[in-house]
């Protein structure tokens, strides 16, 4: 469903060592600007580049 350059919420959570709900909060807040919602069932497709860019920043708080 996603290419190797596209990640799921669970993959991002593992890479960044955060709770899955934190990733979802970041998605709703626009921290992954190129992410797209595939469907309610399929979830999100998050470009690896967006995750790498976030990983270079100071870790944000879950509410940001």
N, C-alpha and C. Protein backbone atom coordinates (compact mmCIF):
# COMPACT_ATOMS: atom_id res chain seq x y z
N UNK A 1 0.82 -1.19 0.00
CA UNK A 1 0.00 0.00 0.00
C UNK A 1 0.87 1.26 0.00
N UNK A 2 1.98 1.26 0.75
CA UNK A 2 2.88 2.41 0.74
C UNK A 2 4.21 1.99 0.15
N UNK A 3 4.91 2.92 -0.48
CA UNK A 3 6.23 2.61 -1.04
C UNK A 3 7.25 2.58 0.09
N UNK A 4 8.48 2.19 -0.23
CA UNK A 4 9.50 2.13 0.82
C UNK A 4 9.88 3.52 1.32
N UNK A 5 9.53 4.55 0.58
CA UNK A 5 9.78 5.92 1.02
C UNK A 5 8.59 6.50 1.76
N UNK A 6 7.52 5.71 1.89
CA UNK A 6 6.32 6.12 2.62
C UNK A 6 6.19 5.23 3.85
N UNK A 7 5.86 5.83 4.98
CA UNK A 7 5.78 5.10 6.24
C UNK A 7 4.38 5.15 6.82
N UNK A 8 4.08 4.19 7.68
CA UNK A 8 2.82 4.17 8.42
C UNK A 8 3.04 4.86 9.77
N UNK A 9 1.94 5.11 10.46
CA UNK A 9 2.03 5.69 11.81
C UNK A 9 2.88 4.78 12.70
N UNK A 10 2.67 3.48 12.61
CA UNK A 10 3.42 2.54 13.45
C UNK A 10 4.92 2.57 13.15
N UNK A 11 5.28 2.70 11.87
CA UNK A 11 6.69 2.77 11.52
C UNK A 11 7.33 4.06 12.03
N UNK A 12 6.60 5.17 11.94
CA UNK A 12 7.12 6.45 12.44
C UNK A 12 7.28 6.38 13.95
N UNK A 13 6.30 5.81 14.63
CA UNK A 13 6.37 5.66 16.08
C UNK A 13 7.63 4.89 16.48
N UNK A 14 7.93 3.82 15.78
CA UNK A 14 9.11 3.01 16.08
C UNK A 14 10.40 3.78 15.81
N UNK A 15 10.45 4.46 14.67
CA UNK A 15 11.66 5.23 14.32
C UNK A 15 11.95 6.34 15.32
N UNK A 16 10.91 7.07 15.71
CA UNK A 16 11.10 8.23 16.58
C UNK A 16 10.93 7.91 18.07
N UNK A 17 10.54 6.65 18.35
CA UNK A 17 10.36 6.19 19.73
C UNK A 17 9.37 7.06 20.50
N UNK A 18 8.20 7.22 19.88
CA UNK A 18 7.11 7.96 20.51
C UNK A 18 5.85 7.11 20.47
N UNK A 19 4.85 7.51 21.21
CA UNK A 19 3.58 6.81 21.25
C UNK A 19 2.84 7.04 19.93
N UNK A 20 2.08 6.06 19.44
CA UNK A 20 1.35 6.25 18.18
C UNK A 20 0.41 7.45 18.20
N UNK A 21 -0.19 7.74 19.35
CA UNK A 21 -1.09 8.90 19.41
C UNK A 21 -0.31 10.20 19.23
N UNK A 22 0.95 10.23 19.65
CA UNK A 22 1.79 11.41 19.43
C UNK A 22 1.96 11.65 17.94
N UNK A 23 2.19 10.58 17.18
CA UNK A 23 2.33 10.71 15.73
C UNK A 23 1.03 11.23 15.13
N UNK A 24 -0.11 10.73 15.61
CA UNK A 24 -1.40 11.19 15.09
C UNK A 24 -1.65 12.67 15.43
N UNK A 25 -1.23 13.09 16.61
CA UNK A 25 -1.35 14.51 16.99
C UNK A 25 -0.50 15.36 16.05
N UNK A 26 0.71 14.92 15.78
CA UNK A 26 1.59 15.65 14.86
C UNK A 26 0.98 15.71 13.47
N UNK A 27 0.35 14.61 13.04
CA UNK A 27 -0.31 14.61 11.73
C UNK A 27 -1.41 15.67 11.68
N UNK A 28 -2.25 15.70 12.69
CA UNK A 28 -3.35 16.67 12.72
C UNK A 28 -2.82 18.10 12.81
N UNK A 29 -1.66 18.27 13.44
CA UNK A 29 -1.07 19.61 13.59
C UNK A 29 -0.28 20.04 12.35
N UNK A 30 -0.13 19.15 11.38
CA UNK A 30 0.58 19.51 10.15
C UNK A 30 2.09 19.37 10.22
N UNK A 31 2.60 18.62 11.18
CA UNK A 31 4.06 18.48 11.30
C UNK A 31 4.66 17.62 10.19
N UNK A 32 3.82 16.84 9.50
CA UNK A 32 4.26 16.07 8.34
C UNK A 32 3.50 16.65 7.13
N UNK A 33 4.03 17.71 6.53
CA UNK A 33 3.27 18.47 5.54
C UNK A 33 2.87 17.69 4.28
N UNK A 34 3.56 16.62 3.96
CA UNK A 34 3.25 15.88 2.74
C UNK A 34 2.53 14.56 3.01
N UNK A 35 2.16 14.32 4.26
CA UNK A 35 1.44 13.10 4.61
C UNK A 35 0.04 13.15 4.01
N UNK A 36 -0.48 11.97 3.70
CA UNK A 36 -1.85 11.93 3.17
C UNK A 36 -2.61 10.79 3.83
N UNK A 37 -3.87 11.06 4.07
CA UNK A 37 -4.75 10.07 4.67
C UNK A 37 -5.27 9.18 3.56
N UNK A 38 -4.95 7.90 3.62
CA UNK A 38 -5.39 6.97 2.57
C UNK A 38 -6.87 6.65 2.75
N UNK A 39 -7.25 6.30 3.96
CA UNK A 39 -8.65 6.05 4.32
C UNK A 39 -8.66 5.81 5.82
N UNK A 40 -9.86 5.76 6.39
CA UNK A 40 -9.94 5.48 7.84
C UNK A 40 -9.32 4.13 8.16
N UNK A 41 -9.59 3.16 7.34
CA UNK A 41 -9.09 1.81 7.59
C UNK A 41 -7.59 1.69 7.28
N UNK A 42 -7.16 2.23 6.16
CA UNK A 42 -5.76 2.08 5.74
C UNK A 42 -4.82 3.00 6.51
N UNK A 43 -5.32 4.10 7.03
CA UNK A 43 -4.47 5.00 7.81
C UNK A 43 -3.75 6.02 6.96
N UNK A 44 -2.56 6.38 7.42
CA UNK A 44 -1.78 7.46 6.82
C UNK A 44 -0.59 6.93 6.03
N UNK A 45 -0.18 7.70 5.05
CA UNK A 45 1.05 7.49 4.31
C UNK A 45 1.92 8.72 4.57
N UNK A 46 3.05 8.51 5.23
CA UNK A 46 3.90 9.62 5.66
C UNK A 46 5.25 9.51 4.95
N UNK A 47 5.62 10.51 4.15
CA UNK A 47 6.89 10.45 3.44
C UNK A 47 8.08 10.39 4.41
N UNK A 48 9.03 9.56 4.09
CA UNK A 48 10.23 9.40 4.91
C UNK A 48 10.94 10.74 5.07
N UNK A 49 10.92 11.57 4.05
CA UNK A 49 11.59 12.88 4.11
C UNK A 49 10.98 13.76 5.20
N UNK A 50 9.65 13.70 5.37
CA UNK A 50 9.00 14.47 6.44
C UNK A 50 9.45 13.99 7.81
N UNK A 51 9.57 12.67 7.95
CA UNK A 51 10.00 12.09 9.22
C UNK A 51 11.45 12.46 9.50
N UNK A 52 12.29 12.37 8.49
CA UNK A 52 13.70 12.73 8.66
C UNK A 52 13.84 14.20 9.05
N UNK A 53 13.04 15.07 8.43
CA UNK A 53 13.09 16.50 8.75
C UNK A 53 12.66 16.73 10.19
N UNK A 54 11.64 16.05 10.64
CA UNK A 54 11.19 16.18 12.03
C UNK A 54 12.26 15.65 12.98
N UNK A 55 12.91 14.56 12.60
CA UNK A 55 13.94 13.98 13.44
C UNK A 55 15.16 14.88 13.62
N UNK A 56 15.36 15.80 12.68
CA UNK A 56 16.49 16.75 12.79
C UNK A 56 16.18 17.91 13.70
N UNK A 57 14.88 18.11 14.01
CA UNK A 57 14.47 19.17 14.92
C UNK A 57 14.61 18.67 16.35
N UNK A 58 14.50 19.59 17.30
CA UNK A 58 14.39 19.17 18.70
C UNK A 58 13.08 18.42 18.82
N UNK A 59 13.04 17.34 19.62
CA UNK A 59 11.79 16.60 19.76
C UNK A 59 10.68 17.48 20.28
N UNK A 60 9.57 17.63 19.52
CA UNK A 60 8.46 18.46 19.98
C UNK A 60 7.66 17.76 21.06
N UNK A 61 6.96 18.53 21.84
CA UNK A 61 6.05 17.95 22.82
C UNK A 61 4.85 17.41 22.07
N UNK A 62 4.15 16.44 22.66
CA UNK A 62 3.02 15.79 22.01
C UNK A 62 1.93 16.79 21.63
N UNK A 63 1.75 17.84 22.39
CA UNK A 63 0.71 18.80 22.11
C UNK A 63 1.04 19.82 21.05
N UNK A 64 2.24 19.81 20.52
CA UNK A 64 2.64 20.82 19.54
C UNK A 64 2.31 20.37 18.15
